[in-house]
Amino acid sequence: MRFASRMSLVLITLFASNGAFAQNPQKLPDVVVTATTLDGASVMIPFFLMQTMYVQLKHDVATIDADDYSTSLTKAQVCSKLKASQPTDCSMGTFPSAPGLPNAQGLPFAGNGCGADPYSSFIGDQLLKAFEKEYSGDLNRPVAQNSAIDFTAACNNHDGCYTSLIPQGKCDSWLGRDLLGVCATAASNSVTTCNAFASYYTLAVSKKGAEAYYADQKNLKCSTWGNSMKANKC
């Protein structure tokens, strides 16, 4: 995070994960605004409160980078609005991590691979029906004949994408691309099976991923709120 040399400047801070999105070069959307308040304090404001907290934005929020942003609120008013906007089932002692934002205990975001989301059982069931002999039973390394084919990193990227401002459809599309990228490096006798598995994973998240996306969006909101409260010492 960097701050402007004069107090009138406010920077839009891009939080990017070191591990998540390693295969996705696209710029992550901003999740907080680092702003200068009316009384000269530097504060962190969650993205979901930007419009209601009178932060003056001069660019489209999807393309914002930096400079010349301010809020007409004082630091005390910012803290008051933050406290009033506490998300449901979210607390300072338990807020989760998000890409680039630590959890309440200071631990960074980490995906949970391919096997822990609500749609994982759907993927497994489909693979068992279509590829009973070829499926290893491990969603991270699903190709029985080639355990070197590892989908874990792609699934972790997908977890990080769901816990960001990126729409679900784009996250699912990126997962499909990443999985096919893994398959492209597999031994030639495994590529066809690997590609078929990748298609089932992509189909599963597009059909069954809404619940996981909704839960991760709640985590993102809670994380940005908790980190803003903590950074602002509210």
Protein backbone atom coordinates (compact mmCIF):
# COMPACT_ATOMS: atom_id res chain seq x y z
CA MET A 1 0.00 0.00 0.00
CA ARG A 2 1.36 3.42 -0.86
CA PHE A 3 0.19 6.84 0.19
CA ALA A 4 0.17 10.11 -1.70
CA SER A 5 2.71 12.78 -0.91
CA ARG A 6 0.02 15.38 -0.19
CA MET A 7 -2.98 14.81 2.03
CA SER A 8 -5.57 15.74 -0.59
CA LEU A 9 -4.84 12.58 -2.57
CA VAL A 10 -6.63 9.30 -2.04
CA LEU A 11 -5.42 6.08 -3.56
CA ILE A 12 -7.46 3.15 -4.78
CA THR A 13 -5.47 0.22 -3.45
CA LEU A 14 -5.35 -3.00 -5.42
CA PHE A 15 -5.13 -6.06 -3.21
CA ALA A 16 -3.65 -8.92 -5.20
CA SER A 17 -2.98 -12.38 -3.85
CA ASN A 18 0.47 -13.89 -4.30
CA GLY A 19 -0.80 -17.45 -4.71
CA ALA A 20 -4.33 -17.13 -6.03
CA PHE A 21 -4.76 -16.02 -9.62
CA ALA A 22 -1.22 -17.07 -10.47
CA GLN A 23 -2.56 -18.40 -13.76
CA ASN A 24 -4.89 -15.44 -14.28
CA PRO A 25 -2.96 -12.34 -15.33
CA GLN A 26 -6.12 -10.18 -15.35
CA LYS A 27 -6.19 -7.28 -12.90
CA LEU A 28 -8.22 -7.95 -9.78
CA PRO A 29 -10.88 -5.39 -8.93
CA ASP A 30 -10.21 -3.12 -5.98
CA VAL A 31 -11.88 -4.17 -2.75
CA VAL A 32 -11.11 -1.15 -0.56
CA VAL A 33 -10.47 2.54 -0.99
CA THR A 34 -7.66 4.21 0.92
CA ALA A 35 -9.08 7.70 1.38
CA THR A 36 -8.27 10.98 3.10
CA THR A 37 -11.05 12.22 5.38
CA LEU A 38 -12.25 15.76 5.90
CA ASP A 39 -10.10 16.08 9.02
CA GLY A 40 -6.96 14.81 7.26
CA ALA A 41 -6.92 11.18 8.40
CA SER A 42 -6.06 8.32 6.07
CA VAL A 43 -8.78 5.65 6.23
CA MET A 44 -9.62 2.37 4.57
CA ILE A 45 -13.19 2.05 3.24
CA PRO A 46 -14.70 -1.23 1.97
CA PHE A 47 -15.74 -1.22 -1.66
CA PHE A 48 -19.36 -1.98 -0.75
CA LEU A 49 -19.56 1.28 1.24
CA MET A 50 -17.83 3.58 -1.23
CA GLN A 51 -20.95 5.19 -2.68
CA THR A 52 -22.75 5.57 0.65
CA MET A 53 -19.73 7.16 2.32
CA TYR A 54 -19.40 10.04 -0.14
CA VAL A 55 -16.08 9.00 -1.61
CA GLN A 56 -15.59 11.10 -4.71
CA LEU A 57 -14.78 8.82 -7.66
CA LYS A 58 -13.57 10.26 -10.95
CA HIS A 59 -13.31 7.08 -12.99
CA ASP A 60 -15.35 4.00 -13.73
CA VAL A 61 -14.99 1.70 -10.72
CA ALA A 62 -13.91 -1.20 -12.92
CA THR A 63 -10.87 0.66 -14.21
CA ILE A 64 -9.85 2.81 -11.23
CA ASP A 65 -6.14 2.96 -10.41
CA ALA A 66 -5.23 5.90 -8.21
CA ASP A 67 -5.07 9.56 -7.17
CA ASP A 68 -7.30 12.47 -6.20
CA TYR A 69 -9.98 10.79 -4.08
CA SER A 70 -11.43 12.12 -0.86
CA THR A 71 -14.38 11.75 1.49
CA SER A 72 -16.41 14.52 3.06
CA LEU A 73 -16.62 12.54 6.31
CA THR A 74 -14.38 12.81 9.35
CA LYS A 75 -12.51 9.76 10.64
CA ALA A 76 -15.01 9.43 13.51
CA GLN A 77 -17.89 9.47 11.02
CA VAL A 78 -16.17 6.84 8.87
CA CYS A 79 -15.81 4.59 11.91
CA SER A 80 -19.41 5.21 12.87
CA LYS A 81 -20.61 4.19 9.41
CA LEU A 82 -18.34 1.15 9.42
CA LYS A 83 -19.72 -0.02 12.77
CA ALA A 84 -23.28 0.51 11.54
CA SER A 85 -22.58 -1.53 8.39
CA GLN A 86 -21.30 -4.68 10.14
CA PRO A 87 -22.28 -7.60 7.88
CA THR A 88 -24.52 -10.34 9.22
CA ASP A 89 -22.65 -13.18 10.97
CA CYS A 90 -19.42 -11.18 10.85
CA SER A 91 -17.33 -10.10 13.82
CA MET A 92 -13.95 -8.56 14.55
CA GLY A 93 -12.81 -11.76 16.23
CA THR A 94 -13.71 -14.12 13.40
CA PHE A 95 -13.70 -12.27 10.06
CA PRO A 96 -12.28 -14.45 7.26
CA SER A 97 -9.50 -13.82 4.79
CA ALA A 98 -9.90 -12.81 1.15
CA PRO A 99 -7.30 -12.52 -1.64
CA GLY A 100 -4.81 -9.95 -0.35
CA LEU A 101 -6.66 -9.49 2.96
CA PRO A 102 -5.76 -11.49 6.10
CA ASN A 103 -8.30 -12.95 8.49
CA ALA A 104 -8.87 -11.82 12.07
CA GLN A 105 -5.86 -13.86 13.19
CA GLY A 106 -3.62 -12.37 10.49
CA LEU A 107 -3.52 -15.46 8.27
CA PRO A 108 -3.57 -14.97 4.47
CA PHE A 109 -6.16 -16.31 2.05
CA ALA A 110 -5.74 -19.87 0.82
CA GLY A 111 -8.02 -21.91 -1.43
CA ASN A 112 -9.30 -25.34 -0.39
CA GLY A 113 -8.59 -27.21 -3.62
CA CYS A 114 -11.24 -29.02 -5.62
CA GLY A 115 -13.03 -31.04 -2.99
CA ALA A 116 -14.68 -28.87 -0.34
CA ASP A 117 -17.25 -26.71 -2.08
CA PRO A 118 -21.00 -27.47 -2.32
CA TYR A 119 -20.61 -28.57 -5.94
CA SER A 120 -17.78 -31.07 -5.27
CA SER A 121 -20.15 -34.01 -4.66
CA PHE A 122 -21.89 -33.18 -7.96
CA ILE A 123 -18.55 -33.32 -9.78
CA GLY A 124 -17.62 -36.60 -8.11
CA ASP A 125 -20.97 -38.20 -8.91
CA GLN A 126 -20.73 -37.15 -12.54
CA LEU A 127 -17.18 -38.46 -12.87
CA LEU A 128 -18.15 -41.78 -11.31
CA LYS A 129 -21.03 -42.18 -13.75
CA ALA A 130 -19.09 -41.19 -16.86
CA PHE A 131 -15.57 -42.37 -15.99
CA GLU A 132 -15.90 -45.11 -13.38
CA LYS A 133 -12.58 -46.75 -14.31
CA GLU A 134 -10.69 -43.59 -15.20
CA TYR A 135 -11.62 -41.61 -12.06
CA SER A 136 -9.16 -41.90 -9.16
CA GLY A 137 -11.65 -40.77 -6.51
CA ASP A 138 -9.51 -37.69 -5.74
CA LEU A 139 -10.95 -34.48 -7.19
CA ASN A 140 -7.57 -32.73 -7.01
CA ARG A 141 -5.82 -35.50 -8.97
CA PRO A 142 -8.76 -37.16 -10.72
CA VAL A 143 -7.12 -39.09 -13.57
CA ALA A 144 -6.42 -42.59 -12.29
CA GLN A 145 -3.87 -43.41 -14.98
CA ASN A 146 -1.85 -40.26 -14.34
CA SER A 147 -1.59 -38.96 -10.77
CA ALA A 148 0.75 -36.19 -11.96
CA ILE A 149 -2.27 -34.34 -13.38
CA ASP A 150 -3.06 -31.95 -10.54
CA PHE A 151 -6.05 -29.58 -10.64
CA THR A 152 -5.40 -28.16 -7.14
CA ALA A 153 -3.85 -24.85 -8.22
CA ALA A 154 -6.61 -24.17 -10.76
CA CYS A 155 -9.27 -24.89 -8.13
CA ASN A 156 -7.49 -22.63 -5.62
CA ASN A 157 -7.46 -19.87 -8.23
CA HIS A 158 -11.20 -20.42 -8.65
CA ASP A 159 -11.73 -20.14 -4.88
CA GLY A 160 -9.87 -16.82 -4.91
CA CYS A 161 -11.86 -15.58 -7.88
CA TYR A 162 -15.15 -16.38 -6.13
CA THR A 163 -13.88 -14.35 -3.15
CA SER A 164 -13.41 -11.22 -5.26
CA LEU A 165 -15.51 -8.70 -7.16
CA ILE A 166 -15.28 -10.73 -10.35
CA PRO A 167 -18.62 -12.15 -11.61
CA GLN A 168 -19.21 -15.87 -11.17
CA GLY A 169 -19.46 -16.54 -14.89
CA LYS A 170 -16.01 -15.12 -15.55
CA CYS A 171 -14.52 -17.11 -12.64
CA ASP A 172 -16.04 -20.30 -14.03
CA SER A 173 -14.73 -19.52 -17.49
CA TRP A 174 -11.23 -18.96 -16.11
CA LEU A 175 -11.40 -22.26 -14.25
CA GLY A 176 -12.14 -24.07 -17.51
CA ARG A 177 -9.23 -22.33 -19.19
CA ASP A 178 -6.87 -23.15 -16.32
CA LEU A 179 -7.89 -26.82 -16.22
CA LEU A 180 -7.38 -27.20 -19.97
CA GLY A 181 -3.99 -25.56 -19.47
CA VAL A 182 -3.10 -28.30 -16.98
CA CYS A 183 -4.28 -30.95 -19.43
CA ALA A 184 -2.17 -29.47 -22.20
CA THR A 185 0.97 -30.35 -20.25
CA ALA A 186 -0.11 -33.94 -19.50
CA ALA A 187 1.29 -37.05 -21.15
CA SER A 188 -0.27 -37.60 -24.56
CA ASN A 189 -2.14 -40.75 -23.50
CA SER A 190 -3.89 -38.78 -20.72
CA VAL A 191 -4.87 -35.57 -22.52
CA THR A 192 -8.24 -36.76 -23.84
CA THR A 193 -9.40 -38.04 -20.43
CA CYS A 194 -8.02 -34.95 -18.71
CA ASN A 195 -9.87 -32.62 -21.08
CA ALA A 196 -13.10 -34.55 -20.49
CA PHE A 197 -12.65 -34.21 -16.73
CA ALA A 198 -11.97 -30.49 -17.13
CA SER A 199 -15.23 -30.11 -19.03
CA TYR A 200 -17.16 -31.79 -16.22
CA TYR A 201 -15.57 -29.50 -13.61
CA THR A 202 -16.47 -26.43 -15.64
CA LEU A 203 -20.03 -27.67 -16.17
CA ALA A 204 -20.40 -28.42 -12.46
CA VAL A 205 -19.38 -24.95 -11.24
CA SER A 206 -21.58 -23.25 -13.83
CA LYS A 207 -24.59 -25.35 -12.75
CA LYS A 208 -23.92 -25.79 -9.03
CA GLY A 209 -21.50 -23.00 -8.10
CA ALA A 210 -24.01 -20.28 -7.17
CA GLU A 211 -24.22 -21.34 -3.51
CA ALA A 212 -20.43 -21.34 -3.13
CA TYR A 213 -20.15 -18.00 -4.93
CA TYR A 214 -22.76 -16.45 -2.64
CA ALA A 215 -20.96 -17.77 0.46
CA ASP A 216 -17.59 -16.49 -0.78
CA GLN A 217 -19.08 -13.08 -1.58
CA LYS A 218 -20.30 -12.89 2.04
CA ASN A 219 -16.77 -13.76 3.16
CA LEU A 220 -15.35 -11.00 0.95
CA LYS A 221 -17.73 -8.44 2.42
CA CYS A 222 -16.93 -9.54 5.97
CA SER A 223 -13.19 -9.55 5.29
CA THR A 224 -13.14 -6.06 3.80
CA TRP A 225 -15.25 -4.79 6.70
CA GLY A 226 -13.08 -6.43 9.36
CA ASN A 227 -9.82 -5.32 7.78
CA SER A 228 -11.15 -1.77 7.39
CA MET A 229 -12.25 -1.67 11.02
CA LYS A 230 -8.86 -2.95 12.13
CA ALA A 231 -6.79 -0.69 9.87
CA ASN A 232 -8.80 2.37 10.91
CA LYS A 233 -8.61 1.39 14.62
CA CYS A 234 -12.34 1.92 14.92
